[in-house]
Amino acid sequence: MAKAKKKTKKSGTKKNKLGVKNSLVNNINARKKNGTSRSKKKKTVSKKAYARMQKNWGRKKGKKTKKSGKKKR
């Protein structure tokens, strides 16, 4: 006789290393609850990166073209 396999229930939501469902709000609240924070150096934007962002402010993005399988002749 073959052994009967037990079916294990899988939870519908995956949990991350903080033990909560993956979402921005859940992650923020879990970090707050644990008292986990980043150092000032890691949580601020560098002057160099900020300057690069400023260069792109106000620029309009080019229109994206749709790719289709058919070629025009």
N, C-alpha and C. Protein backbone atom coordinates (compact mmCIF):
# COMPACT_ATOMS: atom_id res chain seq x y z
N MET A 1 0.82 -1.19 0.00
CA MET A 1 0.00 0.00 0.00
C MET A 1 0.87 1.26 0.00
N ALA A 2 0.40 2.26 -0.73
CA ALA A 2 1.13 3.53 -0.77
C ALA A 2 0.76 4.36 0.45
N LYS A 3 1.73 5.10 0.92
CA LYS A 3 1.48 5.96 2.08
C LYS A 3 0.65 7.17 1.66
N ALA A 4 -0.27 7.54 2.49
CA ALA A 4 -1.09 8.71 2.21
C ALA A 4 -0.30 9.97 2.57
N LYS A 5 -0.28 10.91 1.63
CA LYS A 5 0.44 12.17 1.88
C LYS A 5 -0.49 13.16 2.54
N LYS A 6 0.05 13.87 3.50
CA LYS A 6 -0.74 14.91 4.15
C LYS A 6 -0.64 16.19 3.33
N LYS A 7 -1.77 16.81 3.14
CA LYS A 7 -1.77 18.08 2.44
C LYS A 7 -1.54 19.19 3.45
N THR A 8 -0.58 20.03 3.16
CA THR A 8 -0.32 21.15 4.05
C THR A 8 -0.99 22.39 3.49
N LYS A 9 -1.55 23.15 4.38
CA LYS A 9 -2.19 24.39 3.96
C LYS A 9 -1.12 25.45 3.76
N LYS A 10 -1.22 26.13 2.64
CA LYS A 10 -0.32 27.25 2.40
C LYS A 10 -1.08 28.52 2.74
N SER A 11 -0.42 29.39 3.45
CA SER A 11 -1.09 30.65 3.77
C SER A 11 -1.16 31.48 2.49
N GLY A 12 -2.22 32.22 2.34
CA GLY A 12 -2.44 33.00 1.14
C GLY A 12 -1.46 34.15 0.96
N THR A 13 -0.89 34.61 2.05
CA THR A 13 0.01 35.75 1.95
C THR A 13 1.42 35.35 2.33
N LYS A 14 2.36 35.81 1.52
CA LYS A 14 3.77 35.56 1.84
C LYS A 14 4.20 36.58 2.87
N LYS A 15 5.09 36.17 3.74
CA LYS A 15 5.59 37.10 4.74
C LYS A 15 7.06 37.35 4.51
N ASN A 16 7.48 38.57 4.75
CA ASN A 16 8.89 38.92 4.57
C ASN A 16 9.67 38.68 5.85
N LYS A 17 10.93 39.12 5.87
CA LYS A 17 11.77 38.85 7.03
C LYS A 17 11.30 39.57 8.30
N LEU A 18 10.46 40.58 8.14
CA LEU A 18 9.90 41.26 9.32
C LEU A 18 8.70 40.50 9.87
N GLY A 19 8.22 39.52 9.12
CA GLY A 19 7.09 38.70 9.58
C GLY A 19 5.74 39.28 9.23
N VAL A 20 5.70 40.20 8.27
CA VAL A 20 4.43 40.80 7.85
C VAL A 20 4.25 40.62 6.35
N LYS A 21 3.00 40.81 5.89
CA LYS A 21 2.70 40.74 4.47
C LYS A 21 3.47 41.85 3.75
N ASN A 22 3.95 41.56 2.56
CA ASN A 22 4.73 42.55 1.82
C ASN A 22 3.86 43.71 1.35
N SER A 23 4.01 44.83 1.99
CA SER A 23 3.41 46.08 1.54
C SER A 23 4.17 47.20 2.23
N LEU A 24 4.17 48.34 1.61
CA LEU A 24 4.93 49.47 2.15
C LEU A 24 4.47 49.84 3.55
N VAL A 25 3.16 49.93 3.74
CA VAL A 25 2.61 50.33 5.04
C VAL A 25 2.94 49.30 6.11
N ASN A 26 2.78 48.01 5.78
CA ASN A 26 3.10 46.97 6.75
C ASN A 26 4.57 46.99 7.13
N ASN A 27 5.44 47.20 6.14
CA ASN A 27 6.87 47.25 6.43
C ASN A 27 7.22 48.43 7.33
N ILE A 28 6.64 49.58 7.05
CA ILE A 28 6.89 50.78 7.87
C ILE A 28 6.44 50.54 9.30
N ASN A 29 5.22 50.00 9.46
CA ASN A 29 4.69 49.76 10.80
C ASN A 29 5.48 48.70 11.56
N ALA A 30 5.93 47.66 10.86
CA ALA A 30 6.72 46.61 11.51
C ALA A 30 8.06 47.16 11.97
N ARG A 31 8.70 47.99 11.15
CA ARG A 31 9.99 48.59 11.53
C ARG A 31 9.79 49.53 12.72
N LYS A 32 8.67 50.26 12.71
CA LYS A 32 8.37 51.18 13.81
C LYS A 32 8.18 50.40 15.12
N LYS A 33 7.45 49.28 15.02
CA LYS A 33 7.17 48.45 16.19
C LYS A 33 8.45 47.85 16.76
N ASN A 34 9.35 47.41 15.87
CA ASN A 34 10.62 46.83 16.31
C ASN A 34 11.62 47.88 16.78
N GLY A 35 11.39 49.13 16.42
CA GLY A 35 12.35 50.18 16.75
C GLY A 35 13.55 50.15 15.83
N THR A 36 13.38 49.57 14.64
CA THR A 36 14.46 49.47 13.67
C THR A 36 14.51 50.75 12.85
N SER A 37 15.68 51.34 12.78
CA SER A 37 15.81 52.55 11.97
C SER A 37 17.15 52.53 11.25
N ARG A 38 17.28 53.41 10.28
CA ARG A 38 18.52 53.53 9.51
C ARG A 38 19.34 54.70 10.05
N SER A 39 20.63 54.65 9.78
CA SER A 39 21.47 55.77 10.19
C SER A 39 21.16 56.97 9.30
N LYS A 40 21.53 58.15 9.73
CA LYS A 40 21.24 59.35 8.97
C LYS A 40 21.89 59.28 7.59
N LYS A 41 23.08 58.72 7.53
CA LYS A 41 23.78 58.62 6.26
C LYS A 41 23.00 57.79 5.25
N LYS A 42 22.36 56.73 5.70
CA LYS A 42 21.64 55.85 4.79
C LYS A 42 20.25 56.35 4.43
N LYS A 43 19.66 57.21 5.27
CA LYS A 43 18.28 57.61 4.99
C LYS A 43 18.15 58.95 4.27
N THR A 44 19.26 59.63 4.02
CA THR A 44 19.19 60.90 3.31
C THR A 44 19.71 60.75 1.89
N VAL A 45 19.25 61.63 1.01
CA VAL A 45 19.70 61.62 -0.38
C VAL A 45 20.98 62.44 -0.46
N SER A 46 21.97 61.91 -1.16
CA SER A 46 23.25 62.62 -1.26
C SER A 46 23.09 63.87 -2.11
N LYS A 47 23.98 64.83 -1.92
CA LYS A 47 23.91 66.08 -2.68
C LYS A 47 24.09 65.81 -4.17
N LYS A 48 24.95 64.86 -4.49
CA LYS A 48 25.22 64.52 -5.88
C LYS A 48 23.96 63.95 -6.55
N ALA A 49 23.29 63.02 -5.86
CA ALA A 49 22.07 62.41 -6.41
C ALA A 49 20.95 63.44 -6.53
N TYR A 50 20.85 64.33 -5.55
CA TYR A 50 19.82 65.37 -5.56
C TYR A 50 20.03 66.31 -6.74
N ALA A 51 21.29 66.66 -7.01
CA ALA A 51 21.60 67.55 -8.13
C ALA A 51 21.20 66.90 -9.45
N ARG A 52 21.45 65.60 -9.58
CA ARG A 52 21.06 64.88 -10.79
C ARG A 52 19.55 64.88 -10.97
N MET A 53 18.81 64.73 -9.87
CA MET A 53 17.35 64.74 -9.94
C MET A 53 16.87 66.12 -10.38
N GLN A 54 17.49 67.17 -9.85
CA GLN A 54 17.07 68.52 -10.17
C GLN A 54 17.23 68.83 -11.66
N LYS A 55 18.26 68.27 -12.28
CA LYS A 55 18.47 68.51 -13.71
C LYS A 55 17.29 68.02 -14.54
N ASN A 56 16.64 66.97 -14.09
CA ASN A 56 15.53 66.38 -14.85
C ASN A 56 14.17 66.97 -14.50
N TRP A 57 14.09 67.82 -13.50
CA TRP A 57 12.80 68.40 -13.13
C TRP A 57 12.32 69.32 -14.24
N GLY A 58 11.03 69.21 -14.57
CA GLY A 58 10.44 70.09 -15.57
C GLY A 58 10.58 69.57 -16.99
N ARG A 59 11.37 68.56 -17.20
CA ARG A 59 11.51 67.99 -18.54
C ARG A 59 10.33 67.08 -18.82
N LYS A 60 9.88 67.14 -20.06
CA LYS A 60 8.79 66.26 -20.45
C LYS A 60 9.37 64.98 -20.99
N LYS A 61 8.75 63.89 -20.63
CA LYS A 61 9.20 62.59 -21.12
C LYS A 61 8.69 62.40 -22.54
N GLY A 62 9.46 61.70 -23.35
CA GLY A 62 9.05 61.39 -24.71
C GLY A 62 7.92 60.38 -24.69
N LYS A 63 7.11 60.40 -25.73
CA LYS A 63 6.00 59.46 -25.80
C LYS A 63 6.53 58.07 -26.05
N LYS A 64 5.97 57.11 -25.38
CA LYS A 64 6.35 55.73 -25.59
C LYS A 64 5.54 55.19 -26.76
N THR A 65 6.23 54.45 -27.62
CA THR A 65 5.53 53.87 -28.75
C THR A 65 5.15 52.44 -28.43
N LYS A 66 4.02 52.04 -28.96
CA LYS A 66 3.56 50.67 -28.74
C LYS A 66 4.29 49.75 -29.70
N LYS A 67 4.75 48.64 -29.18
CA LYS A 67 5.39 47.65 -30.03
C LYS A 67 4.34 46.65 -30.46
N SER A 68 4.26 46.45 -31.76
CA SER A 68 3.31 45.45 -32.25
C SER A 68 4.07 44.41 -33.06
N GLY A 69 3.47 43.28 -33.20
CA GLY A 69 4.11 42.18 -33.90
C GLY A 69 4.17 42.39 -35.41
N LYS A 70 3.29 43.23 -35.94
CA LYS A 70 3.23 43.44 -37.38
C LYS A 70 4.12 44.61 -37.78
N LYS A 71 4.79 44.46 -38.93
CA LYS A 71 5.63 45.53 -39.45
C LYS A 71 4.85 46.28 -40.52
N LYS A 72 5.01 47.61 -40.53
CA LYS A 72 4.37 48.41 -41.57
C LYS A 72 5.25 48.41 -42.80
N ARG A 73 4.62 48.37 -43.96
CA ARG A 73 5.39 48.38 -45.22
C ARG A 73 5.11 49.60 -46.02
